[in-house]
N, C-alpha and C. Protein backbone atom coordinates (compact mmCIF):
# COMPACT_ATOMS: atom_id res chain seq x y z
N MET A 1 -14.68 -35.85 15.74
CA MET A 1 -14.05 -35.56 14.45
C MET A 1 -15.14 -35.32 13.42
N SER A 2 -15.04 -34.19 12.74
CA SER A 2 -16.06 -33.84 11.76
C SER A 2 -15.62 -34.27 10.36
N GLN A 3 -16.34 -35.19 9.84
CA GLN A 3 -16.05 -35.68 8.48
C GLN A 3 -16.28 -34.57 7.46
N GLN A 4 -17.30 -33.73 7.71
CA GLN A 4 -17.58 -32.62 6.79
C GLN A 4 -16.42 -31.64 6.71
N ASP A 5 -15.84 -31.30 7.87
CA ASP A 5 -14.71 -30.37 7.90
C ASP A 5 -13.51 -30.97 7.16
N TRP A 6 -13.26 -32.26 7.39
CA TRP A 6 -12.13 -32.91 6.72
C TRP A 6 -12.35 -32.90 5.21
N MET A 7 -13.56 -33.20 4.78
CA MET A 7 -13.87 -33.21 3.34
C MET A 7 -13.71 -31.80 2.75
N LEU A 8 -14.18 -30.79 3.49
CA LEU A 8 -14.04 -29.42 3.03
C LEU A 8 -12.56 -29.08 2.82
N MET A 9 -11.73 -29.39 3.80
CA MET A 9 -10.31 -29.06 3.69
C MET A 9 -9.62 -29.90 2.62
N HIS A 10 -10.08 -31.11 2.43
CA HIS A 10 -9.55 -31.94 1.34
C HIS A 10 -9.86 -31.28 -0.01
N ARG A 11 -11.07 -30.77 -0.15
CA ARG A 11 -11.45 -30.08 -1.40
C ARG A 11 -10.67 -28.77 -1.55
N VAL A 12 -10.46 -28.03 -0.45
CA VAL A 12 -9.66 -26.80 -0.49
C VAL A 12 -8.25 -27.13 -0.96
N ALA A 13 -7.67 -28.20 -0.40
CA ALA A 13 -6.31 -28.60 -0.78
C ALA A 13 -6.22 -28.95 -2.26
N ALA A 14 -7.31 -29.47 -2.80
CA ALA A 14 -7.34 -29.83 -4.23
C ALA A 14 -7.59 -28.62 -5.13
N GLY A 15 -7.81 -27.45 -4.51
CA GLY A 15 -8.01 -26.23 -5.30
C GLY A 15 -9.44 -26.00 -5.75
N ASP A 16 -10.38 -26.68 -5.13
CA ASP A 16 -11.80 -26.53 -5.45
C ASP A 16 -12.25 -25.12 -5.04
N GLU A 17 -12.56 -24.27 -6.02
CA GLU A 17 -12.94 -22.88 -5.74
C GLU A 17 -14.19 -22.78 -4.88
N GLY A 18 -15.12 -23.68 -5.08
CA GLY A 18 -16.33 -23.68 -4.27
C GLY A 18 -16.01 -23.96 -2.80
N ALA A 19 -15.09 -24.87 -2.56
CA ALA A 19 -14.70 -25.20 -1.19
C ALA A 19 -13.96 -24.02 -0.55
N ILE A 20 -13.10 -23.36 -1.33
CA ILE A 20 -12.39 -22.20 -0.81
C ILE A 20 -13.39 -21.10 -0.45
N GLY A 21 -14.37 -20.90 -1.30
CA GLY A 21 -15.42 -19.92 -1.02
C GLY A 21 -16.22 -20.28 0.22
N GLU A 22 -16.52 -21.57 0.38
CA GLU A 22 -17.26 -22.03 1.55
C GLU A 22 -16.44 -21.79 2.83
N LEU A 23 -15.14 -22.10 2.78
CA LEU A 23 -14.26 -21.87 3.93
C LEU A 23 -14.24 -20.38 4.28
N TYR A 24 -14.12 -19.55 3.24
CA TYR A 24 -14.10 -18.10 3.44
C TYR A 24 -15.41 -17.61 4.04
N ASP A 25 -16.52 -18.09 3.51
CA ASP A 25 -17.83 -17.67 4.02
C ASP A 25 -18.01 -18.07 5.49
N ARG A 26 -17.52 -19.23 5.86
CA ARG A 26 -17.68 -19.71 7.24
C ARG A 26 -16.83 -18.93 8.24
N PHE A 27 -15.60 -18.54 7.83
CA PHE A 27 -14.66 -18.04 8.83
C PHE A 27 -14.12 -16.63 8.61
N SER A 28 -14.43 -16.00 7.50
CA SER A 28 -13.81 -14.70 7.22
C SER A 28 -14.22 -13.63 8.24
N ALA A 29 -15.47 -13.63 8.68
CA ALA A 29 -15.91 -12.61 9.65
C ALA A 29 -15.17 -12.78 10.97
N LEU A 30 -14.98 -14.03 11.40
CA LEU A 30 -14.27 -14.30 12.64
C LEU A 30 -12.79 -13.89 12.52
N VAL A 31 -12.17 -14.25 11.42
CA VAL A 31 -10.76 -13.90 11.20
C VAL A 31 -10.62 -12.37 11.14
N PHE A 32 -11.56 -11.70 10.47
CA PHE A 32 -11.50 -10.24 10.40
C PHE A 32 -11.63 -9.62 11.78
N LYS A 33 -12.55 -10.14 12.59
CA LYS A 33 -12.75 -9.59 13.94
C LYS A 33 -11.45 -9.69 14.75
N VAL A 34 -10.78 -10.81 14.68
CA VAL A 34 -9.53 -10.99 15.41
C VAL A 34 -8.43 -10.10 14.81
N ALA A 35 -8.37 -10.04 13.49
CA ALA A 35 -7.36 -9.20 12.83
C ALA A 35 -7.54 -7.74 13.22
N ARG A 36 -8.77 -7.31 13.33
CA ARG A 36 -9.05 -5.92 13.70
C ARG A 36 -8.59 -5.62 15.12
N GLN A 37 -8.62 -6.63 15.99
CA GLN A 37 -8.13 -6.45 17.36
C GLN A 37 -6.60 -6.35 17.38
N PHE A 38 -5.94 -7.03 16.46
CA PHE A 38 -4.48 -7.03 16.41
C PHE A 38 -3.92 -5.80 15.69
N LEU A 39 -4.60 -5.37 14.65
CA LEU A 39 -4.03 -4.37 13.74
C LEU A 39 -4.71 -3.02 13.90
N SER A 40 -4.00 -1.96 13.49
CA SER A 40 -4.48 -0.61 13.77
C SER A 40 -5.48 -0.07 12.76
N THR A 41 -5.51 -0.59 11.55
CA THR A 41 -6.46 -0.05 10.57
C THR A 41 -7.32 -1.15 9.96
N GLN A 42 -8.45 -0.74 9.44
CA GLN A 42 -9.34 -1.70 8.78
C GLN A 42 -8.66 -2.27 7.54
N ALA A 43 -7.94 -1.43 6.80
CA ALA A 43 -7.27 -1.90 5.58
C ALA A 43 -6.25 -2.98 5.90
N GLU A 44 -5.49 -2.79 6.99
CA GLU A 44 -4.51 -3.81 7.39
C GLU A 44 -5.23 -5.11 7.75
N ALA A 45 -6.35 -4.99 8.45
CA ALA A 45 -7.11 -6.18 8.84
C ALA A 45 -7.66 -6.90 7.62
N GLU A 46 -8.17 -6.15 6.65
CA GLU A 46 -8.69 -6.76 5.41
C GLU A 46 -7.59 -7.48 4.66
N ASP A 47 -6.41 -6.85 4.57
CA ASP A 47 -5.27 -7.50 3.91
C ASP A 47 -4.87 -8.77 4.65
N ALA A 48 -4.87 -8.70 5.97
CA ALA A 48 -4.50 -9.85 6.78
C ALA A 48 -5.46 -11.01 6.56
N VAL A 49 -6.75 -10.73 6.44
CA VAL A 49 -7.73 -11.78 6.19
C VAL A 49 -7.41 -12.50 4.88
N GLN A 50 -7.11 -11.73 3.86
CA GLN A 50 -6.77 -12.35 2.57
C GLN A 50 -5.53 -13.22 2.69
N GLU A 51 -4.52 -12.71 3.40
CA GLU A 51 -3.28 -13.47 3.57
C GLU A 51 -3.50 -14.73 4.39
N VAL A 52 -4.35 -14.65 5.40
CA VAL A 52 -4.66 -15.83 6.22
C VAL A 52 -5.33 -16.89 5.35
N PHE A 53 -6.27 -16.49 4.49
CA PHE A 53 -6.95 -17.48 3.66
C PHE A 53 -6.04 -18.06 2.59
N ILE A 54 -5.06 -17.31 2.15
CA ILE A 54 -4.06 -17.88 1.25
C ILE A 54 -3.25 -18.94 2.00
N ARG A 55 -2.87 -18.63 3.23
CA ARG A 55 -2.15 -19.62 4.05
C ARG A 55 -3.00 -20.86 4.29
N LEU A 56 -4.29 -20.65 4.58
CA LEU A 56 -5.18 -21.79 4.80
C LEU A 56 -5.26 -22.67 3.55
N TRP A 57 -5.35 -22.04 2.41
CA TRP A 57 -5.40 -22.79 1.16
C TRP A 57 -4.09 -23.55 0.94
N GLN A 58 -2.96 -22.89 1.21
CA GLN A 58 -1.65 -23.52 0.99
C GLN A 58 -1.37 -24.66 1.96
N THR A 59 -2.00 -24.62 3.14
CA THR A 59 -1.72 -25.64 4.15
C THR A 59 -2.92 -26.55 4.41
N ALA A 60 -3.92 -26.48 3.57
CA ALA A 60 -5.15 -27.24 3.79
C ALA A 60 -4.89 -28.74 3.91
N ASP A 61 -3.90 -29.25 3.21
CA ASP A 61 -3.62 -30.68 3.26
C ASP A 61 -3.07 -31.12 4.62
N ARG A 62 -2.68 -30.18 5.46
CA ARG A 62 -2.13 -30.51 6.79
C ARG A 62 -3.21 -30.58 7.87
N TYR A 63 -4.42 -30.18 7.54
CA TYR A 63 -5.48 -30.19 8.54
C TYR A 63 -5.79 -31.63 8.96
N ASP A 64 -5.82 -31.85 10.29
CA ASP A 64 -6.13 -33.17 10.83
C ASP A 64 -7.26 -32.99 11.84
N PRO A 65 -8.48 -33.43 11.49
CA PRO A 65 -9.62 -33.22 12.37
C PRO A 65 -9.51 -33.98 13.69
N ARG A 66 -8.59 -34.96 13.79
CA ARG A 66 -8.41 -35.67 15.05
C ARG A 66 -7.65 -34.81 16.06
N ARG A 67 -6.92 -33.80 15.57
CA ARG A 67 -6.11 -32.97 16.46
C ARG A 67 -6.82 -31.69 16.89
N ALA A 68 -7.70 -31.16 16.02
CA ALA A 68 -8.39 -29.91 16.36
C ALA A 68 -9.62 -29.74 15.50
N LYS A 69 -10.60 -29.02 16.06
CA LYS A 69 -11.75 -28.65 15.25
C LYS A 69 -11.28 -27.68 14.17
N LEU A 70 -12.04 -27.58 13.10
CA LEU A 70 -11.64 -26.70 12.00
C LEU A 70 -11.54 -25.25 12.45
N VAL A 71 -12.49 -24.78 13.26
CA VAL A 71 -12.44 -23.40 13.72
C VAL A 71 -11.17 -23.14 14.53
N THR A 72 -10.76 -24.10 15.34
CA THR A 72 -9.54 -23.97 16.13
C THR A 72 -8.32 -23.89 15.22
N TRP A 73 -8.29 -24.71 14.21
CA TRP A 73 -7.16 -24.73 13.28
C TRP A 73 -7.10 -23.42 12.48
N VAL A 74 -8.25 -22.95 12.01
CA VAL A 74 -8.30 -21.69 11.27
C VAL A 74 -7.78 -20.55 12.15
N MET A 75 -8.22 -20.51 13.39
CA MET A 75 -7.81 -19.43 14.28
C MET A 75 -6.33 -19.54 14.67
N LEU A 76 -5.82 -20.76 14.74
CA LEU A 76 -4.39 -20.94 15.00
C LEU A 76 -3.57 -20.36 13.85
N ILE A 77 -3.96 -20.66 12.63
CA ILE A 77 -3.27 -20.13 11.45
C ILE A 77 -3.38 -18.60 11.45
N ALA A 78 -4.57 -18.09 11.74
CA ALA A 78 -4.78 -16.63 11.75
C ALA A 78 -3.92 -15.99 12.83
N ARG A 79 -3.93 -16.55 14.01
CA ARG A 79 -3.15 -15.98 15.11
C ARG A 79 -1.66 -15.97 14.78
N ARG A 80 -1.15 -17.05 14.25
CA ARG A 80 0.27 -17.11 13.87
C ARG A 80 0.60 -16.04 12.83
N HIS A 81 -0.27 -15.90 11.85
CA HIS A 81 -0.03 -14.90 10.81
C HIS A 81 -0.04 -13.49 11.41
N LEU A 82 -0.99 -13.20 12.26
CA LEU A 82 -1.11 -11.87 12.85
C LEU A 82 0.08 -11.56 13.76
N ILE A 83 0.52 -12.53 14.51
CA ILE A 83 1.70 -12.32 15.36
C ILE A 83 2.93 -12.07 14.49
N ASP A 84 3.09 -12.85 13.43
CA ASP A 84 4.21 -12.62 12.50
C ASP A 84 4.14 -11.22 11.92
N GLN A 85 2.96 -10.80 11.55
CA GLN A 85 2.78 -9.47 10.97
C GLN A 85 3.14 -8.38 11.98
N LEU A 86 2.72 -8.54 13.22
CA LEU A 86 3.06 -7.56 14.26
C LEU A 86 4.56 -7.52 14.51
N ARG A 87 5.20 -8.68 14.51
CA ARG A 87 6.64 -8.72 14.70
C ARG A 87 7.36 -8.00 13.56
N ARG A 88 6.94 -8.26 12.34
CA ARG A 88 7.56 -7.58 11.19
C ARG A 88 7.38 -6.07 11.30
N LYS A 89 6.20 -5.67 11.71
CA LYS A 89 5.90 -4.25 11.85
C LYS A 89 6.75 -3.62 12.95
N ALA A 90 6.96 -4.35 14.03
CA ALA A 90 7.73 -3.83 15.16
C ALA A 90 9.21 -3.67 14.83
N VAL A 91 9.75 -4.55 14.00
CA VAL A 91 11.18 -4.46 13.70
C VAL A 91 11.46 -3.59 12.49
N ARG A 92 10.42 -3.27 11.76
CA ARG A 92 10.60 -2.37 10.63
C ARG A 92 10.75 -0.97 11.19
N PRO A 93 11.95 -0.42 11.15
CA PRO A 93 12.14 0.87 11.80
C PRO A 93 11.32 1.97 11.14
N THR A 94 10.83 2.86 11.97
CA THR A 94 10.17 4.04 11.45
C THR A 94 11.26 4.94 10.87
N PRO A 95 10.91 5.94 10.08
CA PRO A 95 11.96 6.79 9.54
C PRO A 95 12.89 7.22 10.65
N SER A 96 14.14 6.93 10.46
CA SER A 96 15.10 7.09 11.54
C SER A 96 15.93 8.34 11.37
N VAL A 97 16.76 8.56 12.33
CA VAL A 97 17.69 9.67 12.30
C VAL A 97 18.51 9.62 11.02
N LEU A 98 19.02 8.43 10.70
CA LEU A 98 19.87 8.32 9.52
C LEU A 98 19.09 8.64 8.25
N GLU A 99 17.90 8.05 8.11
CA GLU A 99 17.11 8.28 6.90
C GLU A 99 16.71 9.73 6.76
N GLU A 100 16.26 10.34 7.85
CA GLU A 100 15.82 11.74 7.81
C GLU A 100 16.99 12.65 7.44
N ASP A 101 18.12 12.44 8.11
CA ASP A 101 19.26 13.30 7.86
C ASP A 101 19.85 13.07 6.47
N LEU A 102 19.90 11.80 6.03
CA LEU A 102 20.43 11.54 4.69
C LEU A 102 19.54 12.16 3.62
N ALA A 103 18.23 12.01 3.77
CA ALA A 103 17.31 12.57 2.79
C ALA A 103 17.45 14.08 2.73
N ALA A 104 17.56 14.72 3.87
CA ALA A 104 17.66 16.18 3.90
C ALA A 104 18.95 16.67 3.25
N SER A 105 20.01 15.90 3.35
CA SER A 105 21.30 16.36 2.85
C SER A 105 21.49 16.12 1.35
N ARG A 106 20.64 15.36 0.72
CA ARG A 106 20.83 14.98 -0.68
C ARG A 106 20.34 16.00 -1.69
N HIS A 107 19.58 17.00 -1.25
CA HIS A 107 18.87 17.83 -2.21
C HIS A 107 19.41 19.24 -2.38
N ASP A 108 20.59 19.54 -1.90
CA ASP A 108 21.08 20.91 -1.96
C ASP A 108 22.55 20.91 -2.36
N ASP A 109 22.89 21.62 -3.45
CA ASP A 109 24.26 21.62 -3.97
C ASP A 109 25.02 22.91 -3.68
N ARG A 110 24.51 23.81 -2.87
CA ARG A 110 25.22 25.06 -2.56
C ARG A 110 26.50 24.75 -1.78
N PRO A 111 27.56 25.55 -1.98
CA PRO A 111 28.82 25.29 -1.27
C PRO A 111 28.66 25.28 0.25
N GLU A 112 27.89 26.23 0.77
CA GLU A 112 27.72 26.26 2.24
C GLU A 112 26.97 25.02 2.72
N LYS A 113 26.09 24.50 1.86
CA LYS A 113 25.36 23.28 2.21
C LYS A 113 26.31 22.09 2.21
N LYS A 114 27.26 22.06 1.26
CA LYS A 114 28.22 20.96 1.21
C LYS A 114 29.08 20.96 2.47
N THR A 115 29.47 22.13 2.95
CA THR A 115 30.25 22.23 4.19
C THR A 115 29.41 21.70 5.35
N HIS A 116 28.15 22.11 5.38
CA HIS A 116 27.25 21.64 6.43
C HIS A 116 27.11 20.12 6.36
N ASP A 117 26.97 19.58 5.13
CA ASP A 117 26.84 18.14 4.96
C ASP A 117 28.06 17.40 5.50
N GLU A 118 29.24 17.91 5.24
CA GLU A 118 30.46 17.28 5.75
C GLU A 118 30.48 17.30 7.27
N GLU A 119 30.08 18.43 7.84
CA GLU A 119 30.02 18.52 9.30
C GLU A 119 29.01 17.53 9.86
N TRP A 120 27.88 17.44 9.17
CA TRP A 120 26.85 16.52 9.60
C TRP A 120 27.36 15.08 9.52
N ARG A 121 27.99 14.71 8.42
CA ARG A 121 28.52 13.34 8.26
C ARG A 121 29.55 13.03 9.34
N THR A 122 30.41 13.98 9.63
CA THR A 122 31.41 13.79 10.68
C THR A 122 30.72 13.58 12.02
N SER A 123 29.71 14.39 12.30
CA SER A 123 28.95 14.27 13.56
C SER A 123 28.25 12.91 13.62
N LEU A 124 27.65 12.50 12.52
CA LEU A 124 26.95 11.21 12.48
C LEU A 124 27.92 10.06 12.71
N ARG A 125 29.06 10.09 12.02
CA ARG A 125 30.07 9.04 12.21
C ARG A 125 30.51 8.99 13.67
N LYS A 126 30.68 10.16 14.28
CA LYS A 126 31.09 10.23 15.68
C LYS A 126 30.00 9.61 16.56
N ARG A 127 28.72 9.98 16.33
CA ARG A 127 27.62 9.44 17.13
C ARG A 127 27.53 7.92 16.97
N VAL A 128 27.63 7.43 15.73
CA VAL A 128 27.57 5.99 15.49
C VAL A 128 28.76 5.31 16.15
N GLY A 129 29.93 5.91 16.07
CA GLY A 129 31.14 5.35 16.68
C GLY A 129 31.07 5.24 18.18
N GLU A 130 30.23 6.03 18.82
CA GLU A 130 30.09 6.01 20.27
C GLU A 130 29.12 4.95 20.77
N LEU A 131 28.43 4.31 19.85
CA LEU A 131 27.46 3.28 20.24
C LEU A 131 28.19 2.02 20.70
N PRO A 132 27.52 1.18 21.52
CA PRO A 132 28.10 -0.12 21.84
C PRO A 132 28.38 -0.90 20.55
N GLU A 133 29.38 -1.77 20.60
CA GLU A 133 29.88 -2.42 19.38
C GLU A 133 28.80 -3.08 18.53
N MET A 134 27.93 -3.88 19.13
CA MET A 134 26.91 -4.58 18.34
C MET A 134 25.99 -3.59 17.64
N GLN A 135 25.54 -2.56 18.35
CA GLN A 135 24.66 -1.56 17.76
C GLN A 135 25.37 -0.83 16.62
N ARG A 136 26.63 -0.48 16.85
CA ARG A 136 27.42 0.22 15.82
C ARG A 136 27.56 -0.65 14.58
N LEU A 137 27.92 -1.91 14.76
CA LEU A 137 28.13 -2.80 13.62
C LEU A 137 26.83 -2.99 12.82
N VAL A 138 25.74 -3.19 13.53
CA VAL A 138 24.46 -3.41 12.85
C VAL A 138 24.06 -2.18 12.05
N ILE A 139 24.17 -1.00 12.66
CA ILE A 139 23.78 0.24 11.96
C ILE A 139 24.71 0.50 10.78
N GLU A 140 25.99 0.33 10.96
CA GLU A 140 26.93 0.54 9.85
C GLU A 140 26.62 -0.39 8.69
N ARG A 141 26.40 -1.66 8.98
CA ARG A 141 26.18 -2.63 7.90
C ARG A 141 24.80 -2.49 7.26
N ALA A 142 23.78 -2.25 8.08
CA ALA A 142 22.42 -2.17 7.53
C ALA A 142 22.16 -0.85 6.81
N TYR A 143 22.59 0.27 7.40
CA TYR A 143 22.26 1.56 6.83
C TYR A 143 23.36 2.11 5.92
N LEU A 144 24.59 1.95 6.33
CA LEU A 144 25.66 2.59 5.57
C LEU A 144 26.23 1.67 4.49
N GLN A 145 26.13 0.36 4.69
CA GLN A 145 26.65 -0.57 3.70
C GLN A 145 25.55 -1.28 2.92
N GLY A 146 24.31 -1.15 3.34
CA GLY A 146 23.17 -1.65 2.57
C GLY A 146 22.83 -3.12 2.74
N TYR A 147 23.34 -3.79 3.76
CA TYR A 147 23.01 -5.19 3.97
C TYR A 147 21.63 -5.32 4.61
N THR A 148 20.95 -6.44 4.35
CA THR A 148 19.69 -6.72 5.04
C THR A 148 20.02 -7.17 6.46
N LEU A 149 19.02 -7.12 7.33
CA LEU A 149 19.25 -7.55 8.70
C LEU A 149 19.59 -9.04 8.75
N ARG A 150 19.01 -9.82 7.87
CA ARG A 150 19.32 -11.25 7.81
C ARG A 150 20.80 -11.45 7.42
N GLU A 151 21.28 -10.67 6.46
CA GLU A 151 22.69 -10.76 6.06
C GLU A 151 23.60 -10.33 7.21
N VAL A 152 23.23 -9.28 7.92
CA VAL A 152 24.01 -8.82 9.06
C VAL A 152 24.05 -9.91 10.13
N SER A 153 22.91 -10.58 10.34
CA SER A 153 22.83 -11.66 11.31
C SER A 153 23.84 -12.76 10.98
N VAL A 154 23.91 -13.13 9.71
CA VAL A 154 24.86 -14.16 9.28
C VAL A 154 26.29 -13.66 9.45
N GLN A 155 26.56 -12.42 9.01
CA GLN A 155 27.91 -11.86 9.10
C GLN A 155 28.41 -11.82 10.54
N LEU A 156 27.54 -11.47 11.46
CA LEU A 156 27.94 -11.31 12.86
C LEU A 156 27.74 -12.60 13.67
N ASN A 157 27.22 -13.62 13.00
CA ASN A 157 26.94 -14.90 13.67
C ASN A 157 26.09 -14.66 14.92
N ALA A 158 25.05 -13.88 14.74
CA ALA A 158 24.15 -13.53 15.85
C ALA A 158 22.71 -13.83 15.42
N PRO A 159 21.86 -14.20 16.37
CA PRO A 159 20.45 -14.44 16.02
C PRO A 159 19.82 -13.18 15.42
N LEU A 160 18.90 -13.39 14.50
CA LEU A 160 18.24 -12.27 13.83
C LEU A 160 17.55 -11.37 14.84
N GLY A 161 16.93 -11.93 15.85
CA GLY A 161 16.26 -11.12 16.87
C GLY A 161 17.23 -10.21 17.61
N THR A 162 18.44 -10.71 17.86
CA THR A 162 19.47 -9.90 18.52
C THR A 162 19.87 -8.73 17.63
N VAL A 163 20.02 -9.00 16.34
CA VAL A 163 20.40 -7.96 15.39
C VAL A 163 19.30 -6.90 15.31
N LYS A 164 18.05 -7.33 15.26
CA LYS A 164 16.93 -6.38 15.20
C LYS A 164 16.87 -5.53 16.46
N SER A 165 17.08 -6.15 17.61
CA SER A 165 17.07 -5.41 18.87
C SER A 165 18.22 -4.40 18.91
N ALA A 166 19.40 -4.83 18.45
CA ALA A 166 20.55 -3.92 18.45
C ALA A 166 20.28 -2.73 17.54
N LEU A 167 19.67 -2.97 16.39
CA LEU A 167 19.33 -1.89 15.47
C LEU A 167 18.36 -0.92 16.15
N SER A 168 17.33 -1.45 16.74
CA SER A 168 16.32 -0.61 17.38
C SER A 168 16.94 0.22 18.51
N ARG A 169 17.70 -0.42 19.39
CA ARG A 169 18.33 0.31 20.50
C ARG A 169 19.32 1.34 19.99
N GLY A 170 20.09 0.99 18.96
CA GLY A 170 21.05 1.93 18.40
C GLY A 170 20.39 3.16 17.80
N LEU A 171 19.30 2.96 17.08
CA LEU A 171 18.59 4.09 16.48
C LEU A 171 17.99 5.00 17.56
N ILE A 172 17.50 4.38 18.62
CA ILE A 172 16.96 5.18 19.72
C ILE A 172 18.07 6.03 20.34
N LYS A 173 19.23 5.42 20.55
CA LYS A 173 20.36 6.17 21.14
C LYS A 173 20.81 7.29 20.22
N LEU A 174 20.84 7.03 18.92
CA LEU A 174 21.22 8.09 17.97
C LEU A 174 20.23 9.24 18.02
N ARG A 175 18.96 8.90 18.08
CA ARG A 175 17.91 9.92 18.14
C ARG A 175 18.07 10.74 19.42
N GLU A 176 18.34 10.06 20.53
CA GLU A 176 18.54 10.76 21.81
C GLU A 176 19.76 11.68 21.75
N LYS A 177 20.85 11.19 21.16
CA LYS A 177 22.07 11.99 21.07
C LYS A 177 21.84 13.22 20.19
N ARG A 178 21.11 13.03 19.10
CA ARG A 178 20.83 14.16 18.22
C ARG A 178 19.98 15.19 18.93
N SER A 179 18.97 14.74 19.67
CA SER A 179 18.11 15.66 20.42
C SER A 179 18.93 16.42 21.47
N ALA A 180 19.84 15.74 22.13
CA ALA A 180 20.68 16.37 23.14
C ALA A 180 21.60 17.42 22.51
N GLU A 181 22.14 17.10 21.31
CA GLU A 181 22.99 18.07 20.59
C GLU A 181 22.22 19.32 20.22
N TRP A 182 21.00 19.13 19.76
CA TRP A 182 20.18 20.26 19.33
C TRP A 182 19.77 21.10 20.53
N ALA A 183 19.52 20.44 21.66
CA ALA A 183 19.08 21.17 22.86
C ALA A 183 20.25 21.92 23.50
N GLY A 184 21.48 21.37 23.33
CA GLY A 184 22.64 21.97 24.00
C GLY A 184 23.27 22.95 23.14
């Protein structure tokens, strides 16, 4: 057990700027190296390092040198943060069929465009209606009714991960159906 590490974290917990700087100087390069392995850009890795050190500062009072060395604890916090960040990134849908099509339809007021928009909306409703029930409900509530995925999870009494998976699978199916319509 390192008394120096415990004292450092005690000072960090008390908001001692010198201690926070010392913690950063000791571990920022290591945290950045790991963040760079997890994330696709240097900017994302730099942001992650800052966020990890904010977490370290906020949880400094929980450090127990009898349970882990300081470097182990720092890397545990970093790893948890990076995994959370990757999960958030994975469930954040990329511009989807709905977003692309909705954006394209909003900018044209010509009568022939309005007819096209109605046809498109009818086609979209049909495609969404053909999805399995969970996927349909999640897409309708999240995209068409504006609920967050957490709210949809509560409404459907389903785990958030299940709702996110249903959204992802549903958007993929919609994209596939649209591609098939365009090809046929």
